[in-house]
Amino acid sequence: MAMTPEGRVKAKCKEYLQSIGAWFYMPVSNGMGRHGIPDIICCIDGRFVGVECKAPGKKSTVSALQEREIAGIKAANGVAVVVDDVSQLMEVLKNGKQG
């Protein structure tokens, strides 16, 4: 089965996270859990990081529920980022800035 553009971004992010020794989890979206949770939940060097992946060029298509969860993570001093390319995740983790 062919991978979607968003799926390719997720795969690259997972590959990068594995390469730096991060712990990560991808919650299953089946309608039974909390809506809007980022695609990838990580712990990197003791930091909580939520990564919402989008297809290239679709970075600004965050839903209201996703915005709510991202804001909650940031309010709790976690890192939350929306990416449409793995280089954006790399930059956020390198500089410690929110994306």
PDB file of N, CA and C in Angstrom:
ATOM      1  N   MET A   1       0.842  -1.176   0.000  1.00  0.00           N
ATOM      2  CA  MET A   1       0.000   0.000   0.000  1.00  0.00           C
ATOM      3  C   MET A   1       0.890   1.244   0.000  1.00  0.00           C
ATOM      4  N   ALA A   2       0.521   2.230  -0.785  1.00  0.00           N
ATOM      5  CA  ALA A   2       1.293   3.453  -0.897  1.00  0.00           C
ATOM      6  C   ALA A   2       1.134   4.299   0.365  1.00  0.00           C
ATOM      7  N   MET A   3       2.223   4.954   0.741  1.00  0.00           N
ATOM      8  CA  MET A   3       2.193   5.816   1.923  1.00  0.00           C
ATOM      9  C   MET A   3       1.714   7.202   1.517  1.00  0.00           C
ATOM     10  N   THR A   4       0.901   7.810   2.373  1.00  0.00           N
ATOM     11  CA  THR A   4       0.407   9.159   2.113  1.00  0.00           C
ATOM     12  C   THR A   4       1.534  10.172   2.338  1.00  0.00           C
ATOM     13  N   PRO A   5       1.395  11.392   1.806  1.00  0.00           N
ATOM     14  CA  PRO A   5       2.408  12.421   2.081  1.00  0.00           C
ATOM     15  C   PRO A   5       2.598  12.659   3.583  1.00  0.00           C
ATOM     16  N   GLU A   6       1.493  12.704   4.349  1.00  0.00           N
ATOM     17  CA  GLU A   6       1.606  12.863   5.805  1.00  0.00           C
ATOM     18  C   GLU A   6       2.295  11.651   6.418  1.00  0.00           C
ATOM     19  N   GLY A   7       1.994  10.474   5.919  1.00  0.00           N
ATOM     20  CA  GLY A   7       2.624   9.250   6.398  1.00  0.00           C
ATOM     21  C   GLY A   7       4.132   9.267   6.203  1.00  0.00           C
ATOM     22  N   ARG A   8       4.584   9.851   5.087  1.00  0.00           N
ATOM     23  CA  ARG A   8       6.026   9.957   4.838  1.00  0.00           C
ATOM     24  C   ARG A   8       6.682  10.903   5.848  1.00  0.00           C
ATOM     25  N   VAL A   9       6.001  11.989   6.194  1.00  0.00           N
ATOM     26  CA  VAL A   9       6.523  12.922   7.206  1.00  0.00           C
ATOM     27  C   VAL A   9       6.602  12.206   8.552  1.00  0.00           C
ATOM     28  N   LYS A  10       5.558  11.473   8.924  1.00  0.00           N
ATOM     29  CA  LYS A  10       5.565  10.718  10.184  1.00  0.00           C
ATOM     30  C   LYS A  10       6.720   9.716  10.213  1.00  0.00           C
ATOM     31  N   ALA A  11       6.917   9.006   9.108  1.00  0.00           N
ATOM     32  CA  ALA A  11       7.983   8.001   9.042  1.00  0.00           C
ATOM     33  C   ALA A  11       9.357   8.647   9.219  1.00  0.00           C
ATOM     34  N   LYS A  12       9.574   9.789   8.593  1.00  0.00           N
ATOM     35  CA  LYS A  12      10.856  10.492   8.717  1.00  0.00           C
ATOM     36  C   LYS A  12      11.066  10.987  10.147  1.00  0.00           C
ATOM     37  N   CYS A  13       9.992  11.478  10.773  1.00  0.00           N
ATOM     38  CA  CYS A  13      10.090  11.943  12.159  1.00  0.00           C
ATOM     39  C   CYS A  13      10.416  10.773  13.086  1.00  0.00           C
ATOM     40  N   LYS A  14       9.752   9.636  12.899  1.00  0.00           N
ATOM     41  CA  LYS A  14      10.025   8.452  13.709  1.00  0.00           C
ATOM     42  C   LYS A  14      11.474   8.002  13.534  1.00  0.00           C
ATOM     43  N   GLU A  15      11.932   7.994  12.302  1.00  0.00           N
ATOM     44  CA  GLU A  15      13.310   7.604  11.989  1.00  0.00           C
ATOM     45  C   GLU A  15      14.302   8.513  12.728  1.00  0.00           C
ATOM     46  N   TYR A  16      14.045   9.819  12.668  1.00  0.00           N
ATOM     47  CA  TYR A  16      14.918  10.778  13.352  1.00  0.00           C
ATOM     48  C   TYR A  16      14.883  10.561  14.865  1.00  0.00           C
ATOM     49  N   LEU A  17      13.685  10.410  15.433  1.00  0.00           N
ATOM     50  CA  LEU A  17      13.569  10.219  16.875  1.00  0.00           C
ATOM     51  C   LEU A  17      14.302   8.960  17.331  1.00  0.00           C
ATOM     52  N   GLN A  18      14.206   7.891  16.555  1.00  0.00           N
ATOM     53  CA  GLN A  18      14.944   6.671  16.876  1.00  0.00           C
ATOM     54  C   GLN A  18      16.441   6.928  16.839  1.00  0.00           C
ATOM     55  N   SER A  19      16.893   7.711  15.866  1.00  0.00           N
ATOM     56  CA  SER A  19      18.329   7.964  15.706  1.00  0.00           C
ATOM     57  C   SER A  19      18.920   8.754  16.866  1.00  0.00           C
ATOM     58  N   ILE A  20      18.097   9.539  17.572  1.00  0.00           N
ATOM     59  CA  ILE A  20      18.608  10.320  18.705  1.00  0.00           C
ATOM     60  C   ILE A  20      18.287   9.667  20.043  1.00  0.00           C
ATOM     61  N   GLY A  21      17.716   8.485  20.014  1.00  0.00           N
ATOM     62  CA  GLY A  21      17.439   7.744  21.237  1.00  0.00           C
ATOM     63  C   GLY A  21      16.246   8.242  22.024  1.00  0.00           C
ATOM     64  N   ALA A  22      15.323   8.895  21.355  1.00  0.00           N
ATOM     65  CA  ALA A  22      14.123   9.408  22.029  1.00  0.00           C
ATOM     66  C   ALA A  22      13.138   8.269  22.297  1.00  0.00           C
ATOM     67  N   TRP A  23      12.394   8.399  23.377  1.00  0.00           N
ATOM     68  CA  TRP A  23      11.251   7.521  23.621  1.00  0.00           C
ATOM     69  C   TRP A  23      10.068   8.185  22.931  1.00  0.00           C
ATOM     70  N   PHE A  24       9.297   7.411  22.169  1.00  0.00           N
ATOM     71  CA  PHE A  24       8.116   7.993  21.536  1.00  0.00           C
ATOM     72  C   PHE A  24       7.022   6.962  21.379  1.00  0.00           C
ATOM     73  N   TYR A  25       5.829   7.492  21.212  1.00  0.00           N
ATOM     74  CA  TYR A  25       4.622   6.676  21.096  1.00  0.00           C
ATOM     75  C   TYR A  25       3.694   7.385  20.120  1.00  0.00           C
ATOM     76  N   MET A  26       3.005   6.605  19.304  1.00  0.00           N
ATOM     77  CA  MET A  26       2.024   7.162  18.377  1.00  0.00           C
ATOM     78  C   MET A  26       0.642   6.672  18.794  1.00  0.00           C
ATOM     79  N   PRO A  27      -0.146   7.558  19.442  1.00  0.00           N
ATOM     80  CA  PRO A  27      -1.485   7.151  19.881  1.00  0.00           C
ATOM     81  C   PRO A  27      -2.356   6.725  18.700  1.00  0.00           C
ATOM     82  N   VAL A  28      -3.129   5.677  18.895  1.00  0.00           N
ATOM     83  CA  VAL A  28      -4.048   5.207  17.865  1.00  0.00           C
ATOM     84  C   VAL A  28      -5.300   6.070  17.902  1.00  0.00           C
ATOM     85  N   SER A  29      -5.681   6.588  16.773  1.00  0.00           N
ATOM     86  CA  SER A  29      -6.864   7.442  16.682  1.00  0.00           C
ATOM     87  C   SER A  29      -8.045   6.589  16.229  1.00  0.00           C
ATOM     88  N   ASN A  30      -8.817   6.095  17.207  1.00  0.00           N
ATOM     89  CA  ASN A  30      -9.932   5.216  16.849  1.00  0.00           C
ATOM     90  C   ASN A  30     -11.284   5.729  17.343  1.00  0.00           C
ATOM     91  N   GLY A  31     -11.318   6.980  17.769  1.00  0.00           N
ATOM     92  CA  GLY A  31     -12.571   7.556  18.226  1.00  0.00           C
ATOM     93  C   GLY A  31     -12.875   7.310  19.690  1.00  0.00           C
ATOM     94  N   MET A  32     -12.063   6.509  20.371  1.00  0.00           N
ATOM     95  CA  MET A  32     -12.341   6.169  21.761  1.00  0.00           C
ATOM     96  C   MET A  32     -11.547   7.015  22.753  1.00  0.00           C
ATOM     97  N   GLY A  33     -10.515   7.689  22.295  1.00  0.00           N
ATOM     98  CA  GLY A  33      -9.661   8.447  23.204  1.00  0.00           C
ATOM     99  C   GLY A  33      -9.916   9.940  23.101  1.00  0.00           C
ATOM    100  N   ARG A  34      -8.956  10.681  23.548  1.00  0.00           N
ATOM    101  CA  ARG A  34      -9.015  12.136  23.526  1.00  0.00           C
ATOM    102  C   ARG A  34      -8.696  12.630  22.125  1.00  0.00           C
ATOM    103  N   HIS A  35      -9.491  13.535  21.616  1.00  0.00           N
ATOM    104  CA  HIS A  35      -9.322  14.033  20.257  1.00  0.00           C
ATOM    105  C   HIS A  35      -8.337  15.192  20.214  1.00  0.00           C
ATOM    106  N   GLY A  36      -7.552  15.261  19.139  1.00  0.00           N
ATOM    107  CA  GLY A  36      -6.621  16.364  18.937  1.00  0.00           C
ATOM    108  C   GLY A  36      -5.221  16.112  19.461  1.00  0.00           C
ATOM    109  N   ILE A  37      -4.985  14.943  20.050  1.00  0.00           N
ATOM    110  CA  ILE A  37      -3.651  14.613  20.569  1.00  0.00           C
ATOM    111  C   ILE A  37      -2.667  14.579  19.407  1.00  0.00           C
ATOM    112  N   PRO A  38      -1.441  15.122  19.591  1.00  0.00           N
ATOM    113  CA  PRO A  38      -0.443  15.085  18.517  1.00  0.00           C
ATOM    114  C   PRO A  38      -0.173  13.664  18.026  1.00  0.00           C
ATOM    115  N   ASP A  39       0.296  13.567  16.800  1.00  0.00           N
ATOM    116  CA  ASP A  39       0.554  12.266  16.174  1.00  0.00           C
ATOM    117  C   ASP A  39       1.630  11.466  16.902  1.00  0.00           C
ATOM    118  N   ILE A  40       2.630  12.175  17.421  1.00  0.00           N
ATOM    119  CA  ILE A  40       3.744  11.511  18.094  1.00  0.00           C
ATOM    120  C   ILE A  40       3.955  12.182  19.453  1.00  0.00           C
ATOM    121  N   ILE A  41       3.993  11.373  20.498  1.00  0.00           N
ATOM    122  CA  ILE A  41       4.261  11.835  21.856  1.00  0.00           C
ATOM    123  C   ILE A  41       5.653  11.322  22.215  1.00  0.00           C
ATOM    124  N   CYS A  42       6.531  12.221  22.671  1.00  0.00           N
ATOM    125  CA  CYS A  42       7.931  11.854  22.921  1.00  0.00           C
ATOM    126  C   CYS A  42       8.419  12.328  24.278  1.00  0.00           C
ATOM    127  N   CYS A  43       9.486  11.694  24.721  1.00  0.00           N
ATOM    128  CA  CYS A  43      10.270  12.186  25.837  1.00  0.00           C
ATOM    129  C   CYS A  43      11.711  12.202  25.352  1.00  0.00           C
ATOM    130  N   ILE A  44      12.290  13.398  25.348  1.00  0.00           N
ATOM    131  CA  ILE A  44      13.647  13.579  24.832  1.00  0.00           C
ATOM    132  C   ILE A  44      14.444  14.360  25.869  1.00  0.00           C
ATOM    133  N   ASP A  45      15.468  13.724  26.417  1.00  0.00           N
ATOM    134  CA  ASP A  45      16.297  14.368  27.444  1.00  0.00           C
ATOM    135  C   ASP A  45      15.443  14.962  28.565  1.00  0.00           C
ATOM    136  N   GLY A  46      14.407  14.247  28.964  1.00  0.00           N
ATOM    137  CA  GLY A  46      13.556  14.694  30.050  1.00  0.00           C
ATOM    138  C   GLY A  46      12.505  15.716  29.658  1.00  0.00           C
ATOM    139  N   ARG A  47      12.422  16.063  28.380  1.00  0.00           N
ATOM    140  CA  ARG A  47      11.419  17.027  27.908  1.00  0.00           C
ATOM    141  C   ARG A  47      10.251  16.288  27.281  1.00  0.00           C
ATOM    142  N   PHE A  48       9.042  16.734  27.585  1.00  0.00           N
ATOM    143  CA  PHE A  48       7.841  16.211  26.933  1.00  0.00           C
ATOM    144  C   PHE A  48       7.689  16.944  25.608  1.00  0.00           C
ATOM    145  N   VAL A  49       7.516  16.188  24.532  1.00  0.00           N
ATOM    146  CA  VAL A  49       7.383  16.778  23.196  1.00  0.00           C
ATOM    147  C   VAL A  49       6.206  16.136  22.475  1.00  0.00           C
ATOM    148  N   GLY A  50       5.318  16.972  21.945  1.00  0.00           N
ATOM    149  CA  GLY A  50       4.219  16.516  21.106  1.00  0.00           C
ATOM    150  C   GLY A  50       4.480  16.973  19.683  1.00  0.00           C
ATOM    151  N   VAL A  51       4.374  16.063  18.728  1.00  0.00           N
ATOM    152  CA  VAL A  51       4.649  16.379  17.325  1.00  0.00           C
ATOM    153  C   VAL A  51       3.400  16.096  16.495  1.00  0.00           C
ATOM    154  N   GLU A  52       2.844  17.128  15.900  1.00  0.00           N
ATOM    155  CA  GLU A  52       1.723  16.985  14.972  1.00  0.00           C
ATOM    156  C   GLU A  52       2.296  17.050  13.568  1.00  0.00           C
ATOM    157  N   CYS A  53       2.125  15.971  12.811  1.00  0.00           N
ATOM    158  CA  CYS A  53       2.672  15.892  11.457  1.00  0.00           C
ATOM    159  C   CYS A  53       1.597  16.227  10.434  1.00  0.00           C
ATOM    160  N   LYS A  54       1.981  16.977   9.427  1.00  0.00           N
ATOM    161  CA  LYS A  54       1.096  17.353   8.329  1.00  0.00           C
ATOM    162  C   LYS A  54       1.783  17.033   7.012  1.00  0.00           C
ATOM    163  N   ALA A  55       1.005  16.899   5.965  1.00  0.00           N
ATOM    164  CA  ALA A  55       1.561  16.712   4.627  1.00  0.00           C
ATOM    165  C   ALA A  55       2.303  17.989   4.230  1.00  0.00           C
ATOM    166  N   PRO A  56       3.339  17.869   3.398  1.00  0.00           N
ATOM    167  CA  PRO A  56       4.063  19.063   2.964  1.00  0.00           C
ATOM    168  C   PRO A  56       3.103  20.127   2.423  1.00  0.00           C
ATOM    169  N   GLY A  57       3.300  21.363   2.904  1.00  0.00           N
ATOM    170  CA  GLY A  57       2.462  22.477   2.481  1.00  0.00           C
ATOM    171  C   GLY A  57       1.162  22.610   3.258  1.00  0.00           C
ATOM    172  N   LYS A  58       0.893  21.693   4.182  1.00  0.00           N
ATOM    173  CA  LYS A  58      -0.373  21.700   4.931  1.00  0.00           C
ATOM    174  C   LYS A  58      -0.166  22.022   6.412  1.00  0.00           C
ATOM    175  N   LYS A  59       0.973  22.606   6.744  1.00  0.00           N
ATOM    176  CA  LYS A  59       1.322  22.871   8.142  1.00  0.00           C
ATOM    177  C   LYS A  59       0.282  23.733   8.860  1.00  0.00           C
ATOM    178  N   SER A  60      -0.395  24.585   8.132  1.00  0.00           N
ATOM    179  CA  SER A  60      -1.351  25.507   8.763  1.00  0.00           C
ATOM    180  C   SER A  60      -2.752  24.909   8.909  1.00  0.00           C
ATOM    181  N   THR A  61      -2.918  23.636   8.588  1.00  0.00           N
ATOM    182  CA  THR A  61      -4.250  23.020   8.635  1.00  0.00           C
ATOM    183  C   THR A  61      -4.511  22.304   9.957  1.00  0.00           C
ATOM    184  N   VAL A  62      -4.164  22.943  11.047  1.00  0.00           N
ATOM    185  CA  VAL A  62      -4.363  22.370  12.378  1.00  0.00           C
ATOM    186  C   VAL A  62      -5.816  22.595  12.789  1.00  0.00           C
ATOM    187  N   SER A  63      -6.457  21.545  13.283  1.00  0.00           N
ATOM    188  CA  SER A  63      -7.857  21.658  13.703  1.00  0.00           C
ATOM    189  C   SER A  63      -7.947  22.383  15.051  1.00  0.00           C
ATOM    190  N   ALA A  64      -9.147  22.788  15.403  1.00  0.00           N
ATOM    191  CA  ALA A  64      -9.372  23.455  16.691  1.00  0.00           C
ATOM    192  C   ALA A  64      -9.010  22.516  17.848  1.00  0.00           C
ATOM    193  N   LEU A  65      -9.320  21.237  17.727  1.00  0.00           N
ATOM    194  CA  LEU A  65      -8.978  20.280  18.779  1.00  0.00           C
ATOM    195  C   LEU A  65      -7.468  20.107  18.898  1.00  0.00           C
ATOM    196  N   GLN A  66      -6.774  20.081  17.761  1.00  0.00           N
ATOM    197  CA  GLN A  66      -5.316  19.990  17.790  1.00  0.00           C
ATOM    198  C   GLN A  66      -4.708  21.247  18.407  1.00  0.00           C
ATOM    199  N   GLU A  67      -5.257  22.411  18.058  1.00  0.00           N
ATOM    200  CA  GLU A  67      -4.781  23.669  18.648  1.00  0.00           C
ATOM    201  C   GLU A  67      -4.953  23.652  20.160  1.00  0.00           C
ATOM    202  N   ARG A  68      -6.087  23.134  20.628  1.00  0.00           N
ATOM    203  CA  ARG A  68      -6.342  23.048  22.074  1.00  0.00           C
ATOM    204  C   ARG A  68      -5.287  22.194  22.766  1.00  0.00           C
ATOM    205  N   GLU A  69      -4.980  21.039  22.208  1.00  0.00           N
ATOM    206  CA  GLU A  69      -3.998  20.142  22.817  1.00  0.00           C
ATOM    207  C   GLU A  69      -2.592  20.730  22.766  1.00  0.00           C
ATOM    208  N   ILE A  70      -2.236  21.355  21.665  1.00  0.00           N
ATOM    209  CA  ILE A  70      -0.918  21.996  21.540  1.00  0.00           C
ATOM    210  C   ILE A  70      -0.784  23.104  22.576  1.00  0.00           C
ATOM    211  N   ALA A  71      -1.827  23.907  22.735  1.00  0.00           N
ATOM    212  CA  ALA A  71      -1.804  24.992  23.736  1.00  0.00           C
ATOM    213  C   ALA A  71      -1.672  24.425  25.148  1.00  0.00           C
ATOM    214  N   GLY A  72      -2.344  23.329  25.426  1.00  0.00           N
ATOM    215  CA  GLY A  72      -2.250  22.705  26.740  1.00  0.00           C
ATOM    216  C   GLY A  72      -0.855  22.183  27.041  1.00  0.00           C
ATOM    217  N   ILE A  73      -0.225  21.587  26.044  1.00  0.00           N
ATOM    218  CA  ILE A  73       1.148  21.088  26.211  1.00  0.00           C
ATOM    219  C   ILE A  73       2.094  22.255  26.490  1.00  0.00           C
ATOM    220  N   LYS A  74       1.950  23.318  25.723  1.00  0.00           N
ATOM    221  CA  LYS A  74       2.814  24.488  25.921  1.00  0.00           C
ATOM    222  C   LYS A  74       2.562  25.137  27.273  1.00  0.00           C
ATOM    223  N   ALA A  75       1.304  25.192  27.713  1.00  0.00           N
ATOM    224  CA  ALA A  75       0.971  25.782  29.009  1.00  0.00           C
ATOM    225  C   ALA A  75       1.585  24.992  30.158  1.00  0.00           C
ATOM    226  N   ALA A  76       1.803  23.706  29.949  1.00  0.00           N
ATOM    227  CA  ALA A  76       2.407  22.850  30.966  1.00  0.00           C
ATOM    228  C   ALA A  76       3.932  22.800  30.826  1.00  0.00           C
ATOM    229  N   ASN A  77       4.478  23.727  30.036  1.00  0.00           N
ATOM    230  CA  ASN A  77       5.922  23.824  29.790  1.00  0.00           C
ATOM    231  C   ASN A  77       6.488  22.657  28.993  1.00  0.00           C
ATOM    232  N   GLY A  78       5.635  21.967  28.246  1.00  0.00           N
ATOM    233  CA  GLY A  78       6.099  20.963  27.312  1.00  0.00           C
ATOM    234  C   GLY A  78       6.389  21.637  25.981  1.00  0.00           C
ATOM    235  N   VAL A  79       6.915  20.869  25.062  1.00  0.00           N
ATOM    236  CA  VAL A  79       7.194  21.352  23.715  1.00  0.00           C
ATOM    237  C   VAL A  79       6.153  20.737  22.783  1.00  0.00           C
ATOM    238  N   ALA A  80       5.539  21.566  21.956  1.00  0.00           N
ATOM    239  CA  ALA A  80       4.577  21.081  20.964  1.00  0.00           C
ATOM    240  C   ALA A  80       4.902  21.754  19.643  1.00  0.00           C
ATOM    241  N   VAL A  81       4.930  20.970  18.591  1.00  0.00           N
ATOM    242  CA  VAL A  81       5.334  21.491  17.291  1.00  0.00           C
ATOM    243  C   VAL A  81       4.470  20.864  16.201  1.00  0.00           C
ATOM    244  N   VAL A  82       4.167  21.659  15.189  1.00  0.00           N
ATOM    245  CA  VAL A  82       3.487  21.175  13.988  1.00  0.00           C
ATOM    246  C   VAL A  82       4.526  21.211  12.879  1.00  0.00           C
ATOM    247  N   VAL A  83       4.724  20.081  12.212  1.00  0.00           N
ATOM    248  CA  VAL A  83       5.754  19.991  11.179  1.00  0.00           C
ATOM    249  C   VAL A  83       5.183  19.419   9.885  1.00  0.00           C
ATOM    250  N   ASP A  84       5.745  19.871   8.777  1.00  0.00           N
ATOM    251  CA  ASP A  84       5.445  19.224   7.500  1.00  0.00           C
ATOM    252  C   ASP A  84       6.738  18.745   6.839  1.00  0.00           C
ATOM    253  N   ASP A  85       7.831  18.779   7.624  1.00  0.00           N
ATOM    254  CA  ASP A  85       9.141  18.280   7.187  1.00  0.00           C
ATOM    255  C   ASP A  85       9.942  17.963   8.442  1.00  0.00           C
ATOM    256  N   VAL A  86      10.666  16.865   8.431  1.00  0.00           N
ATOM    257  CA  VAL A  86      11.433  16.452   9.611  1.00  0.00           C
ATOM    258  C   VAL A  86      12.460  17.502  10.020  1.00  0.00           C
ATOM    259  N   SER A  87      12.952  18.305   9.090  1.00  0.00           N
ATOM    260  CA  SER A  87      13.947  19.327   9.436  1.00  0.00           C
ATOM    261  C   SER A  87      13.383  20.328  10.442  1.00  0.00           C
ATOM    262  N   GLN A  88      12.081  20.555  10.421  1.00  0.00           N
ATOM    263  CA  GLN A  88      11.453  21.472  11.379  1.00  0.00           C
ATOM    264  C   GLN A  88      11.515  20.889  12.794  1.00  0.00           C
ATOM    265  N   LEU A  89      11.285  19.592  12.916  1.00  0.00           N
ATOM    266  CA  LEU A  89      11.399  18.934  14.214  1.00  0.00           C
ATOM    267  C   LEU A  89      12.841  18.995  14.698  1.00  0.00           C
ATOM    268  N   MET A  90      13.775  18.730  13.817  1.00  0.00           N
ATOM    269  CA  MET A  90      15.192  18.771  14.177  1.00  0.00           C
ATOM    270  C   MET A  90      15.572  20.152  14.697  1.00  0.00           C
ATOM    271  N   GLU A  91      15.099  21.183  14.047  1.00  0.00           N
ATOM    272  CA  GLU A  91      15.410  22.563  14.437  1.00  0.00           C
ATOM    273  C   GLU A  91      14.835  22.889  15.806  1.00  0.00           C
ATOM    274  N   VAL A  92      13.594  22.502  16.052  1.00  0.00           N
ATOM    275  CA  VAL A  92      12.957  22.760  17.344  1.00  0.00           C
ATOM    276  C   VAL A  92      13.726  22.053  18.462  1.00  0.00           C
ATOM    277  N   LEU A  93      14.096  20.814  18.245  1.00  0.00           N
ATOM    278  CA  LEU A  93      14.803  20.066  19.282  1.00  0.00           C
ATOM    279  C   LEU A  93      16.207  20.597  19.489  1.00  0.00           C
ATOM    280  N   LYS A  94      16.824  21.051  18.439  1.00  0.00           N
ATOM    281  CA  LYS A  94      18.180  21.610  18.529  1.00  0.00           C
ATOM    282  C   LYS A  94      18.169  22.924  19.310  1.00  0.00           C
ATOM    283  N   ASN A  95      17.208  23.780  19.031  1.00  0.00           N
ATOM    284  CA  ASN A  95      17.172  25.108  19.628  1.00  0.00           C
ATOM    285  C   ASN A  95      16.279  25.212  20.858  1.00  0.00           C
ATOM    286  N   GLY A  96      15.460  24.186  21.104  1.00  0.00           N
ATOM    287  CA  GLY A  96      14.571  24.231  22.258  1.00  0.00           C
ATOM    288  C   GLY A  96      13.406  25.192  22.113  1.00  0.00           C
ATOM    289  N   LYS A  97      13.167  25.676  20.901  1.00  0.00           N
ATOM    290  CA  LYS A  97      12.072  26.622  20.675  1.00  0.00           C
ATOM    291  C   LYS A  97      10.819  25.880  20.270  1.00  0.00           C
ATOM    292  N   GLN A  98       9.683  26.492  20.556  1.00  0.00           N
ATOM    293  CA  GLN A  98       8.401  25.940  20.124  1.00  0.00           C
ATOM    294  C   GLN A  98       8.243  26.154  18.639  1.00  0.00           C
ATOM    295  N   GLY A  99       7.527  25.237  17.997  1.00  0.00           N
ATOM    296  CA  GLY A  99       7.292  25.372  16.563  1.00  0.00           C
ATOM    297  C   GLY A  99       5.887  25.709  16.235  1.00  0.00           C
TER     298      GLY A  99
END
